[in-house]
Amino acid sequence: MQVPLWFALLAVGYLGVKLIRPPAWLIGVLLLGGFFLADSVLAPAINALVK
């Protein structure tokens, strides 16, 4: 069974928020931080570190 990545991320995110109940500011910081890091000069270094 093939599931689109966006759907899998949405499902995992929804379950994580429902089960763990992190504060809203933490979710915002993680989303904004990931967005800004993905478009920064550090993106190639992070990509190499993750792989």
N, C-alpha and C. Protein backbone atom coordinates (compact mmCIF):
# COMPACT_ATOMS: atom_id res chain seq x y z
N MET A 1 0.84 -1.18 0.00
CA MET A 1 0.00 0.00 0.00
C MET A 1 0.89 1.24 0.00
N GLN A 2 0.63 2.15 -0.92
CA GLN A 2 1.41 3.38 -1.00
C GLN A 2 0.57 4.54 -0.48
N VAL A 3 1.14 5.27 0.47
CA VAL A 3 0.47 6.42 1.07
C VAL A 3 1.29 7.66 0.73
N PRO A 4 0.63 8.74 0.29
CA PRO A 4 1.38 9.97 0.01
C PRO A 4 2.07 10.49 1.27
N LEU A 5 3.25 11.09 1.09
CA LEU A 5 4.02 11.58 2.22
C LEU A 5 3.26 12.63 3.01
N TRP A 6 2.58 13.54 2.32
CA TRP A 6 1.85 14.60 3.02
C TRP A 6 0.76 14.02 3.91
N PHE A 7 0.12 12.93 3.46
CA PHE A 7 -0.93 12.31 4.27
C PHE A 7 -0.34 11.61 5.49
N ALA A 8 0.79 10.95 5.31
CA ALA A 8 1.44 10.27 6.44
C ALA A 8 1.91 11.28 7.47
N LEU A 9 2.50 12.40 7.02
CA LEU A 9 2.94 13.44 7.96
C LEU A 9 1.76 14.08 8.68
N LEU A 10 0.68 14.29 7.97
CA LEU A 10 -0.52 14.86 8.59
C LEU A 10 -1.08 13.93 9.66
N ALA A 11 -1.12 12.63 9.36
CA ALA A 11 -1.64 11.66 10.32
C ALA A 11 -0.74 11.55 11.55
N VAL A 12 0.57 11.50 11.35
CA VAL A 12 1.50 11.41 12.47
C VAL A 12 1.45 12.69 13.31
N GLY A 13 1.37 13.83 12.65
CA GLY A 13 1.27 15.09 13.38
C GLY A 13 0.00 15.19 14.19
N TYR A 14 -1.11 14.77 13.61
CA TYR A 14 -2.39 14.81 14.32
C TYR A 14 -2.37 13.91 15.54
N LEU A 15 -1.87 12.68 15.35
CA LEU A 15 -1.81 11.75 16.48
C LEU A 15 -0.84 12.24 17.56
N GLY A 16 0.28 12.83 17.13
CA GLY A 16 1.23 13.35 18.11
C GLY A 16 0.64 14.46 18.96
N VAL A 17 -0.11 15.36 18.32
CA VAL A 17 -0.73 16.46 19.07
C VAL A 17 -1.82 15.94 19.98
N LYS A 18 -2.61 14.98 19.52
CA LYS A 18 -3.69 14.44 20.34
C LYS A 18 -3.16 13.63 21.53
N LEU A 19 -2.09 12.85 21.33
CA LEU A 19 -1.62 11.97 22.38
C LEU A 19 -0.65 12.66 23.34
N ILE A 20 0.26 13.46 22.81
CA ILE A 20 1.30 14.05 23.66
C ILE A 20 0.87 15.42 24.19
N ARG A 21 0.03 16.14 23.44
CA ARG A 21 -0.48 17.46 23.81
C ARG A 21 0.63 18.47 24.13
N PRO A 22 1.51 18.74 23.14
CA PRO A 22 2.54 19.76 23.37
C PRO A 22 1.91 21.15 23.34
N PRO A 23 2.56 22.13 23.95
CA PRO A 23 2.01 23.49 23.91
C PRO A 23 2.02 24.04 22.48
N ALA A 24 1.10 24.95 22.21
CA ALA A 24 0.96 25.51 20.86
C ALA A 24 2.22 26.27 20.44
N TRP A 25 2.89 26.95 21.39
CA TRP A 25 4.08 27.72 21.03
C TRP A 25 5.20 26.79 20.57
N LEU A 26 5.27 25.59 21.15
CA LEU A 26 6.31 24.63 20.75
C LEU A 26 6.07 24.13 19.33
N ILE A 27 4.83 23.88 18.99
CA ILE A 27 4.50 23.46 17.63
C ILE A 27 4.87 24.56 16.64
N GLY A 28 4.55 25.80 16.98
CA GLY A 28 4.88 26.93 16.11
C GLY A 28 6.37 27.10 15.94
N VAL A 29 7.12 26.97 17.02
CA VAL A 29 8.57 27.12 16.94
C VAL A 29 9.19 26.03 16.07
N LEU A 30 8.73 24.80 16.23
CA LEU A 30 9.26 23.71 15.42
C LEU A 30 8.93 23.88 13.94
N LEU A 31 7.70 24.30 13.64
CA LEU A 31 7.33 24.50 12.24
C LEU A 31 8.10 25.65 11.61
N LEU A 32 8.15 26.79 12.30
CA LEU A 32 8.88 27.94 11.76
C LEU A 32 10.38 27.67 11.68
N GLY A 33 10.93 27.02 12.69
CA GLY A 33 12.35 26.70 12.69
C GLY A 33 12.72 25.78 11.53
N GLY A 34 11.91 24.77 11.29
CA GLY A 34 12.16 23.87 10.18
C GLY A 34 12.03 24.57 8.84
N PHE A 35 11.05 25.46 8.73
CA PHE A 35 10.87 26.21 7.49
C PHE A 35 12.06 27.11 7.20
N PHE A 36 12.53 27.82 8.22
CA PHE A 36 13.65 28.74 8.03
C PHE A 36 14.97 27.99 7.81
N LEU A 37 15.17 26.88 8.50
CA LEU A 37 16.40 26.10 8.31
C LEU A 37 16.46 25.45 6.93
N ALA A 38 15.31 25.08 6.39
CA ALA A 38 15.30 24.44 5.08
C ALA A 38 15.72 25.39 3.97
N ASP A 39 15.56 26.69 4.20
CA ASP A 39 15.90 27.68 3.17
C ASP A 39 17.16 28.46 3.53
N SER A 40 17.97 27.94 4.44
CA SER A 40 19.16 28.65 4.87
C SER A 40 20.42 28.05 4.25
N VAL A 41 21.54 28.66 4.55
CA VAL A 41 22.82 28.13 4.06
C VAL A 41 23.20 26.85 4.79
N LEU A 42 22.54 26.57 5.89
CA LEU A 42 22.83 25.35 6.65
C LEU A 42 22.12 24.12 6.09
N ALA A 43 21.24 24.31 5.11
CA ALA A 43 20.45 23.20 4.58
C ALA A 43 21.33 22.06 4.04
N PRO A 44 22.39 22.33 3.25
CA PRO A 44 23.22 21.20 2.79
C PRO A 44 23.90 20.44 3.94
N ALA A 45 24.31 21.16 4.97
CA ALA A 45 24.96 20.50 6.11
C ALA A 45 23.95 19.64 6.87
N ILE A 46 22.76 20.14 7.05
CA ILE A 46 21.72 19.38 7.74
C ILE A 46 21.34 18.15 6.91
N ASN A 47 21.25 18.34 5.59
CA ASN A 47 20.91 17.22 4.72
C ASN A 47 21.98 16.12 4.80
N ALA A 48 23.24 16.50 4.82
CA ALA A 48 24.31 15.52 4.92
C ALA A 48 24.30 14.83 6.29
N LEU A 49 23.94 15.58 7.33
CA LEU A 49 23.90 15.02 8.67
C LEU A 49 22.74 14.03 8.81
N VAL A 50 21.62 14.33 8.20
CA VAL A 50 20.46 13.47 8.29
C VAL A 50 20.66 12.17 7.52
N LYS A 51 21.34 12.26 6.38
CA LYS A 51 21.58 11.05 5.58
C LYS A 51 22.66 10.28 6.22
